[in-house]
Protein backbone atom coordinates (compact mmCIF):
# COMPACT_ATOMS: atom_id res chain seq x y z
CA MET A 1 -29.65 10.12 51.30
CA LEU A 2 -27.81 10.27 54.62
CA GLU A 3 -29.08 13.82 55.18
CA GLN A 4 -32.63 12.58 55.85
CA PHE A 5 -31.49 10.95 59.12
CA PRO A 6 -30.97 12.83 62.42
CA ILE A 7 -27.47 14.18 63.07
CA ARG A 8 -26.71 11.48 65.68
CA VAL A 9 -27.64 8.71 63.25
CA GLN A 10 -25.56 10.32 60.47
CA ALA A 11 -22.54 10.32 62.80
CA LEU A 12 -23.10 6.66 63.61
CA PHE A 13 -23.00 5.74 59.92
CA GLN A 14 -19.96 7.93 59.24
CA ASP A 15 -17.97 6.45 62.13
CA ASN A 16 -18.84 2.83 61.32
CA PRO A 17 -16.79 1.41 58.43
CA ILE A 18 -18.78 -1.85 58.32
CA ASN A 19 -20.56 -2.15 54.97
CA ALA A 20 -23.83 -4.10 55.02
CA GLY A 21 -23.51 -5.26 51.41
CA ASP A 22 -19.95 -6.52 51.83
CA THR A 23 -20.87 -8.26 55.08
CA ALA A 24 -23.88 -9.93 53.52
CA TRP A 25 -21.80 -11.17 50.57
CA VAL A 26 -19.07 -12.63 52.78
CA LEU A 27 -21.56 -14.35 55.08
CA ALA A 28 -23.41 -15.78 52.07
CA SER A 29 -20.08 -16.89 50.63
CA ALA A 30 -19.23 -18.63 53.91
CA ALA A 31 -22.49 -20.56 53.63
CA LEU A 32 -21.64 -21.49 50.02
CA VAL A 33 -18.22 -22.77 51.07
CA LEU A 34 -19.81 -24.79 53.88
CA LEU A 35 -22.06 -26.44 51.29
CA MET A 36 -18.95 -27.64 49.46
CA THR A 37 -18.10 -30.16 52.17
CA PRO A 38 -21.44 -32.05 52.01
CA ALA A 39 -21.07 -31.75 48.22
CA LEU A 40 -17.67 -33.41 48.51
CA ALA A 41 -19.31 -36.13 50.61
CA PHE A 42 -21.67 -36.96 47.73
CA PHE A 43 -18.88 -36.71 45.15
CA TYR A 44 -16.62 -39.07 47.09
CA GLY A 45 -19.52 -41.23 48.28
CA GLY A 46 -20.58 -41.97 44.73
CA LEU A 47 -17.06 -42.95 43.71
CA VAL A 48 -16.58 -45.67 46.35
CA GLY A 49 -18.24 -49.10 46.63
CA ARG A 50 -21.75 -49.41 48.06
CA LYS A 51 -20.51 -51.04 51.31
CA ASN A 52 -18.38 -47.94 52.11
CA VAL A 53 -20.58 -45.04 51.04
CA LEU A 54 -21.70 -44.06 54.56
CA SER A 55 -18.18 -44.19 55.98
CA THR A 56 -16.97 -41.97 53.15
CA ILE A 57 -19.80 -39.46 53.67
CA MET A 58 -19.17 -39.57 57.42
CA HIS A 59 -15.57 -38.46 56.94
CA SER A 60 -16.70 -35.17 55.39
CA PHE A 61 -19.61 -34.59 57.73
CA VAL A 62 -17.76 -35.21 60.98
CA ILE A 63 -14.94 -32.93 59.82
CA ILE A 64 -17.43 -30.04 59.69
CA CYS A 65 -18.10 -30.64 63.38
CA ILE A 66 -14.47 -31.21 64.43
CA ILE A 67 -12.86 -28.30 62.61
CA SER A 68 -15.66 -25.86 63.44
CA VAL A 69 -14.76 -26.31 67.10
CA GLN A 70 -10.99 -26.54 66.61
CA TRP A 71 -11.02 -23.33 64.55
CA VAL A 72 -12.82 -21.34 67.23
CA LEU A 73 -10.63 -22.64 70.04
CA TRP A 74 -7.14 -22.42 68.55
CA GLY A 75 -7.11 -22.93 64.77
CA TYR A 76 -7.98 -19.37 63.80
CA THR A 77 -5.44 -17.72 66.07
CA LEU A 78 -2.65 -20.04 64.87
CA ALA A 79 -3.52 -19.34 61.23
CA PHE A 80 -4.43 -15.65 61.26
CA GLY A 81 -3.47 -14.35 64.69
CA PRO A 82 -0.63 -11.89 65.30
CA ASP A 83 2.64 -13.49 64.27
CA MET A 84 4.53 -15.25 67.04
CA GLY A 85 8.25 -14.50 67.10
CA GLY A 86 8.30 -12.33 63.99
CA MET A 87 9.42 -15.20 61.73
CA GLY A 88 6.19 -15.57 59.76
CA ILE A 89 5.77 -19.22 60.77
CA ILE A 90 2.76 -19.37 63.08
CA GLY A 91 0.29 -17.11 64.84
CA GLY A 92 0.28 -16.66 68.58
CA LEU A 93 -2.54 -17.44 70.99
CA ASP A 94 -3.75 -13.84 71.24
CA TRP A 95 -7.11 -14.78 69.71
CA PHE A 96 -7.54 -18.13 71.49
CA GLY A 97 -11.25 -18.90 71.80
CA LEU A 98 -11.89 -15.89 69.55
CA ASN A 99 -10.76 -13.51 72.27
CA GLY A 100 -10.76 -10.07 70.67
CA VAL A 101 -12.43 -11.27 67.47
CA GLY A 102 -15.65 -9.29 67.34
CA GLY A 103 -17.93 -7.09 65.28
CA GLY A 104 -15.44 -4.43 64.27
CA PRO A 105 -13.19 -4.45 61.20
CA SER A 106 -9.78 -6.12 61.16
CA VAL A 107 -6.49 -5.94 59.32
CA TYR A 108 -7.92 -8.53 56.92
CA ALA A 109 -10.96 -6.58 55.77
CA ALA A 110 -11.91 -3.00 56.52
CA THR A 111 -15.61 -3.19 55.67
CA ILE A 112 -16.77 -6.41 57.31
CA PRO A 113 -16.78 -7.61 60.93
CA HIS A 114 -13.70 -9.52 62.00
CA GLU A 115 -16.02 -12.35 63.04
CA ALA A 116 -17.39 -12.55 59.48
CA PHE A 117 -13.87 -12.98 58.10
CA MET A 118 -13.16 -15.62 60.74
CA ILE A 119 -16.18 -17.77 59.88
CA PHE A 120 -15.53 -17.44 56.15
CA GLN A 121 -12.02 -18.77 56.68
CA ALA A 122 -13.36 -21.52 58.95
CA MET A 123 -15.08 -23.10 55.94
CA PHE A 124 -11.74 -23.31 54.09
CA ALA A 125 -10.23 -25.02 57.13
CA VAL A 126 -13.13 -27.48 57.14
CA ILE A 127 -12.97 -28.68 53.54
CA THR A 128 -9.19 -29.10 53.32
CA PRO A 129 -8.80 -32.21 55.53
CA ALA A 130 -12.03 -33.54 54.03
CA LEU A 131 -10.32 -33.54 50.63
CA ILE A 132 -7.54 -35.77 51.98
CA SER A 133 -10.03 -38.45 53.05
CA GLY A 134 -10.48 -39.58 49.44
CA ALA A 135 -6.95 -40.98 49.43
CA PHE A 136 -7.58 -43.53 52.18
CA ALA A 137 -11.26 -44.21 51.47
CA GLU A 138 -12.59 -47.70 52.28
CA ARG A 139 -9.85 -48.74 54.71
CA MET A 140 -9.00 -46.32 57.56
CA LYS A 141 -10.02 -46.74 61.20
CA PHE A 142 -12.55 -44.09 62.17
CA LYS A 143 -11.01 -43.49 65.61
CA THR A 144 -7.58 -42.88 64.09
CA PHE A 145 -9.14 -40.69 61.44
CA LEU A 146 -10.60 -38.38 64.10
CA VAL A 147 -7.24 -37.94 65.82
CA PHE A 148 -5.48 -37.43 62.49
CA THR A 149 -7.93 -34.69 61.49
CA VAL A 150 -7.30 -32.60 64.61
CA LEU A 151 -3.53 -33.04 64.46
CA TRP A 152 -3.26 -32.39 60.73
CA ALA A 153 -5.34 -29.22 60.92
CA THR A 154 -3.18 -27.93 63.77
CA LEU A 155 0.25 -28.99 62.49
CA VAL A 156 -0.18 -28.56 58.75
CA TYR A 157 -3.18 -26.47 57.68
CA ASP A 158 -2.90 -23.71 60.27
CA PRO A 159 0.83 -23.01 59.77
CA VAL A 160 0.56 -23.01 55.96
CA ALA A 161 -2.42 -20.66 56.10
CA HIS A 162 -0.34 -18.35 58.28
CA TRP A 163 2.62 -18.46 55.88
CA VAL A 164 0.48 -17.44 52.93
CA TRP A 165 -2.36 -15.28 54.23
CA ALA A 166 -1.47 -13.82 57.64
CA LEU A 167 -1.25 -10.04 57.82
CA GLY A 168 0.12 -7.61 60.33
CA PRO A 169 -0.16 -3.83 60.78
CA ASP A 170 2.44 -3.26 58.06
CA GLY A 171 1.31 -5.87 55.54
CA ALA A 172 2.18 -9.52 55.10
CA ALA A 173 3.14 -11.33 58.31
CA GLY A 174 3.62 -14.85 56.95
CA TRP A 175 6.92 -15.64 55.26
CA VAL A 176 5.35 -16.72 51.95
CA GLY A 177 3.37 -13.49 51.83
CA LYS A 178 6.53 -11.51 52.56
CA LEU A 179 8.28 -13.40 49.76
CA GLY A 180 5.69 -12.04 47.35
CA ALA A 181 3.91 -15.25 46.32
CA ILE A 182 0.16 -14.76 45.85
CA ASP A 183 -2.75 -17.13 46.40
CA PHE A 184 -6.16 -15.55 46.09
CA ALA A 185 -8.36 -18.33 47.46
CA GLY A 186 -6.29 -21.39 48.38
CA GLY A 187 -4.20 -23.02 45.67
CA THR A 188 -1.32 -23.61 48.07
CA VAL A 189 -3.15 -23.46 51.39
CA VAL A 190 -5.98 -25.81 50.41
CA HIS A 191 -5.23 -27.83 47.29
CA ILE A 192 -1.48 -28.42 47.19
CA ASN A 193 -1.62 -28.91 50.95
CA ALA A 194 -4.38 -31.52 50.71
CA GLY A 195 -3.04 -33.12 47.53
CA LEU A 196 0.43 -33.84 48.90
CA ALA A 197 -1.02 -34.98 52.23
CA ALA A 198 -3.20 -37.39 50.26
CA LEU A 199 -0.18 -38.77 48.42
CA ALA A 200 1.62 -39.35 51.73
CA ALA A 201 -1.48 -41.06 53.15
CA ALA A 202 -1.88 -43.32 50.14
CA MET A 203 1.79 -44.33 50.35
CA ILE A 204 1.75 -45.21 54.04
CA ILE A 205 -1.66 -46.86 54.37
CA LYS A 206 -1.13 -49.33 51.49
CA PRO A 207 -3.66 -50.36 48.80
CA ARG A 208 -7.19 -51.63 49.32
CA LEU A 209 -7.87 -55.36 49.23
CA GLY A 210 -8.01 -56.53 45.61
CA TYR A 211 -6.51 -53.31 44.27
CA GLY A 212 -5.17 -53.92 40.78
CA LYS A 213 -6.80 -57.36 40.64
CA GLU A 214 -10.48 -56.51 40.67
CA PRO A 215 -12.36 -53.43 39.43
CA LYS A 216 -13.01 -50.60 41.86
CA GLU A 217 -15.96 -48.98 40.12
CA PRO A 218 -18.10 -46.04 41.34
CA HIS A 219 -21.28 -47.42 42.87
CA ASN A 220 -23.45 -44.33 42.20
CA ILE A 221 -22.49 -42.00 39.36
CA PRO A 222 -25.52 -39.72 39.88
CA PHE A 223 -24.09 -39.01 43.37
CA VAL A 224 -20.80 -38.05 41.70
CA VAL A 225 -22.52 -35.59 39.36
CA LEU A 226 -24.66 -34.17 42.17
CA GLY A 227 -21.55 -33.63 44.28
CA ALA A 228 -19.61 -32.05 41.42
CA GLY A 229 -22.50 -29.73 40.59
CA LEU A 230 -22.84 -28.58 44.19
CA LEU A 231 -19.08 -28.11 44.42
CA TRP A 232 -19.23 -25.90 41.33
CA PHE A 233 -22.06 -23.89 42.90
CA GLY A 234 -20.34 -23.55 46.26
CA TRP A 235 -17.01 -22.63 44.68
CA PHE A 236 -18.37 -19.23 43.69
CA GLY A 237 -18.34 -18.45 47.40
CA PHE A 238 -14.86 -19.94 47.70
CA ASN A 239 -13.35 -17.71 45.01
CA ALA A 240 -15.60 -14.68 44.55
CA GLY A 241 -16.11 -14.49 48.31
CA SER A 242 -12.35 -14.12 48.73
CA ALA A 243 -12.65 -10.58 47.41
CA LEU A 244 -14.17 -9.92 50.86
CA ALA A 245 -16.50 -7.35 49.31
CA GLY A 246 -19.31 -7.15 46.78
CA ASN A 247 -17.23 -5.44 44.12
CA ALA A 248 -15.73 -5.74 40.64
CA LEU A 249 -13.01 -8.09 41.87
CA ALA A 250 -15.65 -10.50 43.16
CA ALA A 251 -17.41 -10.33 39.80
CA ASN A 252 -14.21 -11.14 37.92
CA ALA A 253 -13.44 -14.03 40.26
CA PHE A 254 -16.95 -15.37 39.66
CA VAL A 255 -16.56 -15.15 35.86
CA VAL A 256 -13.11 -16.75 35.66
CA THR A 257 -14.14 -19.51 38.06
CA ASN A 258 -17.06 -20.53 35.86
CA THR A 259 -15.03 -20.23 32.65
CA ALA A 260 -12.04 -22.27 33.82
CA THR A 261 -14.29 -24.97 35.25
CA ALA A 262 -16.18 -25.35 32.00
CA ALA A 263 -12.96 -25.46 29.96
CA ALA A 264 -11.43 -28.08 32.26
CA GLY A 265 -14.50 -30.31 32.09
CA LEU A 266 -14.37 -30.22 28.29
CA ALA A 267 -10.62 -30.85 28.27
CA TRP A 268 -10.82 -33.92 30.55
CA MET A 269 -13.76 -35.32 28.59
CA THR A 270 -11.95 -34.83 25.29
CA MET A 271 -8.71 -36.35 26.56
CA ALA A 272 -10.58 -39.40 27.86
CA TRP A 273 -12.49 -39.69 24.60
CA MET A 274 -9.32 -39.56 22.53
CA MET A 275 -7.26 -41.86 24.75
CA GLY A 276 -9.85 -44.09 26.37
CA GLY A 277 -12.60 -44.33 23.82
CA SER A 278 -15.60 -42.72 25.55
CA PRO A 279 -16.71 -39.33 26.93
CA GLY A 280 -17.52 -40.51 30.46
CA VAL A 281 -19.77 -38.74 32.94
CA VAL A 282 -17.35 -39.30 35.83
CA GLY A 283 -14.62 -37.85 33.62
CA ILE A 284 -16.33 -34.57 32.84
CA ALA A 285 -17.33 -34.18 36.50
CA SER A 286 -13.75 -34.83 37.61
CA GLY A 287 -12.47 -32.40 35.00
CA ALA A 288 -14.77 -29.69 36.27
CA VAL A 289 -13.45 -30.17 39.79
CA ALA A 290 -9.88 -29.99 38.44
CA GLY A 291 -10.76 -26.66 36.80
CA LEU A 292 -12.18 -25.33 40.06
CA VAL A 293 -8.98 -26.31 41.83
CA ALA A 294 -6.66 -24.73 39.26
CA ILE A 295 -8.43 -21.38 39.00
CA THR A 296 -8.64 -20.95 42.78
CA PRO A 297 -5.25 -19.26 43.39
CA ALA A 298 -5.54 -17.21 40.20
CA SER A 299 -9.18 -16.16 40.40
CA GLY A 300 -8.50 -12.70 41.80
CA TYR A 301 -5.64 -11.91 39.45
CA VAL A 302 -6.32 -13.16 35.89
CA THR A 303 -8.48 -12.25 32.91
CA PRO A 304 -11.29 -14.42 31.51
CA MET A 305 -9.13 -15.39 28.51
CA ALA A 306 -6.34 -16.54 30.81
CA SER A 307 -8.89 -18.60 32.74
CA VAL A 308 -9.69 -20.55 29.56
CA ILE A 309 -6.03 -21.54 29.25
CA ILE A 310 -5.81 -22.39 32.95
CA GLY A 311 -8.94 -24.54 32.69
CA LEU A 312 -7.77 -26.39 29.59
CA GLY A 313 -4.43 -27.07 31.23
CA ALA A 314 -6.11 -28.34 34.39
CA GLY A 315 -8.31 -30.78 32.50
CA ALA A 316 -5.40 -32.14 30.48
CA PHE A 317 -2.76 -32.29 33.21
CA CYS A 318 -5.04 -33.76 35.86
CA TYR A 319 -6.41 -36.37 33.46
CA LEU A 320 -2.88 -37.46 32.57
CA ALA A 321 -1.91 -37.53 36.25
CA ALA A 322 -4.91 -39.73 37.08
CA ARG A 323 -4.10 -42.02 34.17
CA ILE A 324 -0.47 -42.37 35.32
CA ARG A 325 -1.58 -42.93 38.93
CA ALA A 326 -3.83 -45.78 37.79
CA GLY A 327 -0.71 -47.66 36.79
CA TRP A 328 0.84 -47.48 40.25
CA LYS A 329 0.55 -50.85 41.98
CA SER A 330 1.75 -49.93 45.45
CA VAL A 331 0.11 -46.49 45.88
CA ASP A 332 -3.69 -46.52 46.01
CA ASP A 333 -4.92 -42.92 46.08
CA ALA A 334 -8.47 -44.24 45.94
CA LEU A 335 -10.23 -41.14 44.62
CA ASP A 336 -7.32 -39.43 42.86
CA VAL A 337 -6.92 -36.62 45.36
CA PHE A 338 -3.30 -36.03 44.38
CA ALA A 339 -4.04 -36.07 40.64
CA VAL A 340 -6.89 -33.57 40.91
CA HIS A 341 -6.00 -31.38 43.90
CA GLY A 342 -2.24 -31.79 44.06
CA VAL A 343 -1.51 -31.51 40.34
CA GLY A 344 -4.38 -29.06 39.75
CA GLY A 345 -3.24 -26.89 42.65
CA ILE A 346 0.37 -26.88 41.44
CA TRP A 347 -0.67 -25.91 37.92
CA GLY A 348 -2.98 -23.20 39.22
CA ALA A 349 -0.35 -21.68 41.53
CA LEU A 350 2.26 -21.64 38.77
CA ALA A 351 -0.25 -20.33 36.22
CA THR A 352 -0.92 -17.46 38.62
CA GLY A 353 2.76 -16.59 38.27
CA LEU A 354 2.31 -16.59 34.48
CA PHE A 355 -1.01 -14.81 33.94
CA ALA A 356 -1.55 -12.51 36.95
CA THR A 357 -2.00 -8.85 36.09
CA VAL A 358 -2.49 -5.71 38.15
CA ALA A 359 -5.06 -4.65 35.57
CA ILE A 360 -7.42 -7.07 37.32
CA ASN A 361 -6.25 -6.50 40.87
CA ALA A 362 -4.12 -3.51 41.75
CA ALA A 363 -3.22 -5.15 45.05
CA GLY A 364 -1.82 -8.18 43.21
CA LYS A 365 1.27 -8.64 41.07
CA ASP A 366 2.08 -8.90 37.38
CA GLY A 367 3.13 -12.36 36.27
CA LEU A 368 5.75 -13.58 33.82
CA PHE A 369 3.64 -12.84 30.73
CA TYR A 370 3.16 -9.26 31.95
CA GLY A 371 6.85 -8.57 32.36
CA ASN A 372 7.57 -9.85 35.87
CA PRO A 373 9.46 -13.20 35.76
CA SER A 374 10.32 -12.99 39.47
CA GLN A 375 6.65 -13.61 40.28
CA PHE A 376 6.82 -17.03 38.66
CA VAL A 377 9.92 -17.81 40.73
CA ASN A 378 8.10 -16.75 43.92
CA GLN A 379 5.17 -18.99 43.03
CA LEU A 380 7.52 -21.89 42.38
CA ILE A 381 9.16 -21.47 45.79
CA ALA A 382 5.76 -21.36 47.53
CA VAL A 383 4.61 -24.48 45.68
CA ALA A 384 7.79 -26.43 46.48
CA VAL A 385 7.92 -25.56 50.18
CA THR A 386 4.21 -26.20 50.73
CA ALA A 387 4.40 -29.53 48.92
CA VAL A 388 7.43 -30.74 50.84
CA TYR A 389 6.14 -29.55 54.22
CA SER A 390 2.71 -31.09 53.77
CA PHE A 391 4.05 -34.41 52.50
CA VAL A 392 6.75 -34.83 55.15
CA VAL A 393 4.69 -33.76 58.18
CA THR A 394 1.69 -35.81 57.04
CA TYR A 395 3.83 -38.89 56.48
CA ILE A 396 5.46 -38.60 59.92
CA LEU A 397 2.11 -37.96 61.58
CA LEU A 398 0.50 -41.02 59.97
CA TRP A 399 3.56 -43.16 60.72
CA VAL A 400 3.27 -42.28 64.43
CA LEU A 401 -0.47 -42.94 64.44
CA ASP A 402 0.08 -46.27 62.70
CA LYS A 403 2.53 -47.34 65.40
CA THR A 404 0.32 -46.15 68.26
CA MET A 405 -3.32 -46.53 67.21
CA GLY A 406 -3.15 -48.35 63.89
CA LEU A 407 -4.30 -46.77 60.64
CA ARG A 408 -6.14 -49.58 58.98
CA VAL A 409 -9.17 -51.68 59.82
CA LYS A 410 -8.79 -55.47 60.06
CA THR A 411 -8.90 -57.49 56.86
CA GLU A 412 -12.25 -59.04 57.71
CA GLU A 413 -13.71 -55.61 58.49
CA GLU A 414 -12.52 -54.25 55.15
CA GLU A 415 -14.11 -57.22 53.39
CA VAL A 416 -17.48 -56.60 55.07
CA GLY A 417 -17.24 -52.84 54.54
CA LEU A 418 -16.70 -49.87 56.81
CA ASP A 419 -20.36 -48.83 56.89
CA ILE A 420 -21.21 -51.84 59.04
CA THR A 421 -17.93 -52.39 60.87
CA GLN A 422 -17.19 -48.75 61.76
CA HIS A 423 -20.65 -47.22 61.98
CA GLY A 424 -23.13 -50.06 62.37
CA GLU A 425 -25.34 -48.91 59.50
CA LYS A 426 -26.12 -49.76 55.88
CA ALA A 427 -26.64 -47.19 53.15
CA TYR A 428 -29.01 -49.49 51.27
CA VAL A 429 -31.45 -52.00 52.68
CA GLU A 430 -32.07 -54.85 50.23
């Protein structure tokens, strides 16, 4: 087909490694991942009380704006830029303001523009702090929340992303990558990171008024289902897009993502039915999200049959974690971020060390069940270090903000609701 073009045009095609199909898929995937954050806003917004729905939605929406700017200015270079100091801890400022990040290929993907990879990864950076917001829903000062978001992205998300995903001319540049731990689309970087940060936030900010004494019921379950459905839809970009090409690996990631999600939804629903007496709508939606979380790190490395096991485990483990959390009197993780994202992310990262196989991805590793027990050990180390780092740094950060700006709204403001007191609006006009 190339022969029908003039010689000069043929040379242009031959010298340009950028593939239009791969680029289109990654850009479409970036848009799908962006959709996940408004989807999360509906999911979380439906779970809170009616006087706090706008404030909850606002957390997700304003994060899109904040992190989109932070990522371009310094977030991307800290996370994916050339390693500073050779220790695999953080990127340098070589790509500050996207200096040198253009239309050519990069070390991260040979067939798409570097800028396409950058904006795809920006959407991961956006949704991660948005996930944390469910832990302190209905009680955090908006001004403090804005400062926390910028600091957390810079001090926690960007370094962890560098540890796991950063590459150099000779391969892995981040220390977790050098260790040999694998994370296809964000089990450690996104979900364990957000889940442990949420636990720290819930511990330091203290429970909502009336917690444990009065019911805290979802005010709009259709919002919850809408959000979960859109998350499921957008997650195909999250996982299959992480192949960074329109190829067989993307197709496998798509298949295992859907399969694990379905299995997890059924597992959560069944567990709730057996232990709580009814197959709830919120339950099956939450289970589906747990399945999405758990399959994320494994999606580029496991078979469809393994994804069924991963999904069933996610539904069961995350349901039990949420049930145990409900009995805690002093820790109010309002929307069960730790139970779903923390526990789901830990299970998914460890399951990757069990079920990964090079038959699916030659660039990956075999797991324990394919004759490589050291891979499970590497996954365990990555999980432990990420969990401890995220929890400790988040706790210290929130402690400092509490002492300087204050974390929590006044009691009377919490009673009225954050929609009015923080944003001057009502979601519903009687």
